[in-house]
Amino acid sequence: MKHAIFITLVCSVLGACAGIGADNPPRPDSGNTVKVTMDDLNRLQGDNWQGTLSYLNYGSDKRSTIPVKATIKVLDKNGLLYAIQYPGEEQYNVKERLKLSSDGTRIDGYSITNREQAADGTLVLTTEGKGRDDNRPAQIQIIYSVAADRFSIRKNVRFTNEEAYLNRNEYSFLR
């Protein structure tokens, strides 16, 4: 059971499932002016990221935390390759691509709704869009925090007819 949750989690955070962002087609007339470029993300490149994955197990409603490692490689002007490693559970290691839209207004099909630059230089990007979690339709919010020595991806979920987001999972890395 732990492994099924684990696979679903990796799939939902890294975009490995078919249909991620599929309900969020680009709309040229949307007026979205919040953008990102690969120049904003280049500082993530490297193979020495160590951290944790903290996730909500829907079966028990408890949070679990496991160690993770990552290698991130810039592929081109619109993408990064993530290689996530799960020490002790190598069969679940995964490689996925994070893709920016050509106009820089979307990450993995989700609209960038907010961009902030913290005083310490950390770039915080928030994306939102329709998706599925726990086999149910949901509004998905993913928050990327990017700095030269730290990086996180936080997935929040708001199910249909719910008012508040809940934190589904968070990858947190340091180097």
Foldseek 3Di string as FASTA:
>chain_A
DVVVVVLLVCCVQQVVDPPVLVQQDDDPPPPQPDFDKVVLVVLQADFFKKFKKWFQDPVVRDIDIAIKGWHWAADDGFKIWIFIAGPPPRVSTDIHIWGAPPVGQDISNFGFDDWDQDPVGKIKTKTWDWDDDPNAIWIWIWIWIDDNFKIKIWIWTAGPPGDDTDTGMMTIIGD
